[in-house]
């Protein structure tokens, strides 16, 4: 990996969700697990102490997630939703696209917020990359496992 620090693009809501998760881990989960490890240590022989091993593993997972969240938050760059008045698609744009005569509404977000079930697509996904910079009425083609899919940009909200 190069020395360049990569920005993590997040909406205000996405950043708040990560901060809330971090606070929950640091203030509640981690202290609870530390107490659990200490209590399990008191059970005696650590080599045969399943509760101790399990507690340590869970604590390590929480510590790893805390480090990951702190890193993401430190590199976060907020994106404005609909920041350019709807002229062309960019990070934060909410759009209506049509594929196979069916319309779908999506929001283009950074990779950490992408969630297809919530209609949030990453700017770094094949569809996201194809849409960035495009205007209403334009068509984009995306290579998919089933072949090329054509999308028409119906509206930039």
Protein backbone atom coordinates (compact mmCIF):
# COMPACT_ATOMS: atom_id res chain seq x y z
CA UNK A 1 0.00 0.00 0.00
CA UNK A 2 1.25 3.48 -0.74
CA UNK A 3 1.79 6.21 1.82
CA UNK A 4 -1.17 8.21 0.56
CA UNK A 5 -4.08 8.21 2.98
CA UNK A 6 -7.28 7.39 1.15
CA UNK A 7 -10.34 9.41 2.01
CA UNK A 8 -13.47 7.57 3.04
CA UNK A 9 -16.55 9.23 1.59
CA UNK A 10 -19.53 9.27 3.94
CA UNK A 11 -22.84 11.07 4.19
CA UNK A 12 -23.52 12.91 7.44
CA UNK A 13 -25.90 10.12 8.46
CA UNK A 14 -23.34 7.43 7.67
CA UNK A 15 -20.68 9.18 9.74
CA UNK A 16 -23.08 9.54 12.66
CA UNK A 17 -23.91 5.81 12.49
CA UNK A 18 -20.21 4.93 12.67
CA UNK A 19 -19.64 7.32 15.58
CA UNK A 20 -22.60 5.79 17.43
CA UNK A 21 -21.26 2.29 16.87
CA UNK A 22 -17.80 3.35 18.10
CA UNK A 23 -19.26 4.95 21.23
CA UNK A 24 -21.28 1.78 21.98
CA UNK A 25 -18.19 -0.41 21.60
CA UNK A 26 -15.90 1.81 23.68
CA UNK A 27 -18.33 2.72 26.45
CA UNK A 28 -20.35 -0.49 26.81
CA UNK A 29 -19.15 -3.59 24.98
CA UNK A 30 -15.41 -3.29 25.61
CA UNK A 31 -15.72 -2.66 29.40
CA UNK A 32 -18.19 -5.54 29.70
CA UNK A 33 -15.81 -7.90 27.89
CA UNK A 34 -12.84 -6.74 29.97
CA UNK A 35 -14.80 -7.58 33.13
CA UNK A 36 -15.77 -10.95 31.63
CA UNK A 37 -12.12 -11.78 30.80
CA UNK A 38 -11.04 -10.83 34.33
CA UNK A 39 -13.80 -12.96 35.87
CA UNK A 40 -12.94 -15.92 33.63
CA UNK A 41 -9.27 -15.57 34.57
CA UNK A 42 -10.29 -16.19 38.18
CA UNK A 43 -11.68 -19.61 37.22
CA UNK A 44 -8.18 -21.08 37.29
CA UNK A 45 -6.18 -23.03 34.68
CA UNK A 46 -6.24 -20.76 31.59
CA UNK A 47 -5.18 -23.55 29.20
CA UNK A 48 -8.46 -25.40 29.77
CA UNK A 49 -10.67 -22.40 30.43
CA UNK A 50 -13.13 -22.10 27.52
CA UNK A 51 -14.81 -18.99 28.96
CA UNK A 52 -11.45 -17.20 29.16
CA UNK A 53 -10.53 -18.14 25.58
CA UNK A 54 -13.94 -17.13 24.23
CA UNK A 55 -13.94 -13.85 26.13
CA UNK A 56 -10.43 -12.99 24.89
CA UNK A 57 -11.44 -13.73 21.28
CA UNK A 58 -14.54 -11.54 21.55
CA UNK A 59 -12.48 -8.75 23.12
CA UNK A 60 -9.95 -8.99 20.28
CA UNK A 61 -12.77 -8.69 17.71
CA UNK A 62 -14.17 -5.62 19.48
CA UNK A 63 -10.69 -4.06 19.70
CA UNK A 64 -10.20 -4.68 15.97
CA UNK A 65 -13.53 -3.06 15.12
CA UNK A 66 -12.74 -0.06 17.37
CA UNK A 67 -9.43 0.46 15.51
CA UNK A 68 -11.18 0.11 12.15
CA UNK A 69 -13.90 2.63 13.08
CA UNK A 70 -11.38 5.12 14.47
CA UNK A 71 -9.41 4.87 11.22
CA UNK A 72 -12.51 5.31 9.03
CA UNK A 73 -13.74 8.29 11.07
CA UNK A 74 -10.30 9.92 10.94
CA UNK A 75 -10.23 9.62 7.12
CA UNK A 76 -13.90 10.52 6.61
CA UNK A 77 -14.78 13.17 4.08
CA UNK A 78 -18.39 14.29 4.19
CA UNK A 79 -20.30 14.26 0.95
CA UNK A 80 -23.16 16.60 0.27
CA UNK A 81 -26.33 15.03 -0.91
CA UNK A 82 -27.58 16.58 -4.14
CA UNK A 83 -24.68 19.00 -3.85
CA UNK A 84 -24.75 20.30 -7.42
CA UNK A 85 -28.41 21.09 -7.96
CA UNK A 86 -29.04 17.95 -9.99
CA UNK A 87 -26.97 18.85 -13.06
CA UNK A 88 -24.97 15.64 -13.09
CA UNK A 89 -24.56 12.59 -10.88
CA UNK A 90 -21.97 12.75 -8.12
CA UNK A 91 -21.42 11.30 -4.68
CA UNK A 92 -24.55 11.94 -2.64
CA UNK A 93 -26.87 12.19 -5.64
CA UNK A 94 -30.27 10.54 -5.38
CA UNK A 95 -31.29 9.25 -8.78
CA UNK A 96 -34.05 7.40 -10.56
CA UNK A 97 -32.84 4.95 -13.19
CA UNK A 98 -34.71 2.62 -15.49
CA UNK A 99 -33.60 -0.88 -16.43
CA UNK A 100 -35.80 -3.34 -18.33
CA UNK A 101 -38.79 -0.95 -18.08
CA UNK A 102 -38.54 -0.89 -14.28
CA UNK A 103 -37.60 2.26 -12.39
CA UNK A 104 -35.40 2.21 -9.28
CA UNK A 105 -34.37 5.03 -6.98
CA UNK A 106 -30.79 4.89 -5.66
CA UNK A 107 -28.41 7.11 -3.73
CA UNK A 108 -24.75 7.13 -4.76
CA UNK A 109 -22.63 6.81 -1.61
CA UNK A 110 -19.09 5.92 -0.54
CA UNK A 111 -18.11 2.27 -0.29
CA UNK A 112 -18.54 2.08 3.51
CA UNK A 113 -22.22 3.04 3.26
CA UNK A 114 -23.11 0.96 0.23
CA UNK A 115 -26.11 -1.26 0.90
CA UNK A 116 -28.08 -2.60 -2.06
CA UNK A 117 -31.00 -3.56 0.20
CA UNK A 118 -31.32 0.11 1.19
CA UNK A 119 -30.86 1.28 -2.43
CA UNK A 120 -27.43 2.79 -1.67
CA UNK A 121 -24.84 2.06 -4.34
CA UNK A 122 -21.12 2.65 -4.06
CA UNK A 123 -19.51 5.23 -6.31
CA UNK A 124 -16.80 2.59 -6.79
CA UNK A 125 -19.15 -0.19 -7.99
CA UNK A 126 -19.47 -0.85 -11.73
CA UNK A 127 -22.89 0.86 -11.81
CA UNK A 128 -21.70 3.73 -9.60
CA UNK A 129 -18.66 4.34 -11.79
CA UNK A 130 -20.82 4.31 -14.93
CA UNK A 131 -23.28 6.82 -13.46
CA UNK A 132 -20.86 9.41 -12.05
CA UNK A 133 -20.83 12.59 -14.09
CA UNK A 134 -23.83 11.63 -16.22
CA UNK A 135 -26.95 13.75 -16.75
CA UNK A 136 -30.68 13.08 -16.88
CA UNK A 137 -31.76 11.25 -20.02
CA UNK A 138 -28.36 9.63 -20.62
CA UNK A 139 -27.91 5.90 -21.01
CA UNK A 140 -25.14 3.90 -19.37
CA UNK A 141 -24.09 0.31 -19.98
CA UNK A 142 -22.68 -1.90 -17.25
CA UNK A 143 -21.09 -5.32 -17.64
CA UNK A 144 -22.86 -7.77 -15.33
CA UNK A 145 -22.47 -11.53 -14.91
CA UNK A 146 -25.59 -11.97 -17.05
CA UNK A 147 -24.22 -9.69 -19.78
CA UNK A 148 -24.44 -5.97 -20.51
CA UNK A 149 -27.23 -4.07 -18.76
CA UNK A 150 -28.44 -0.72 -20.05
CA UNK A 151 -29.67 1.90 -17.61
CA UNK A 152 -31.45 5.12 -18.47
CA UNK A 153 -31.06 8.01 -16.05
CA UNK A 154 -34.62 9.20 -15.56
CA UNK A 155 -34.13 11.83 -12.88
CA UNK A 156 -31.52 13.36 -10.60
CA UNK A 157 -33.43 14.44 -7.50
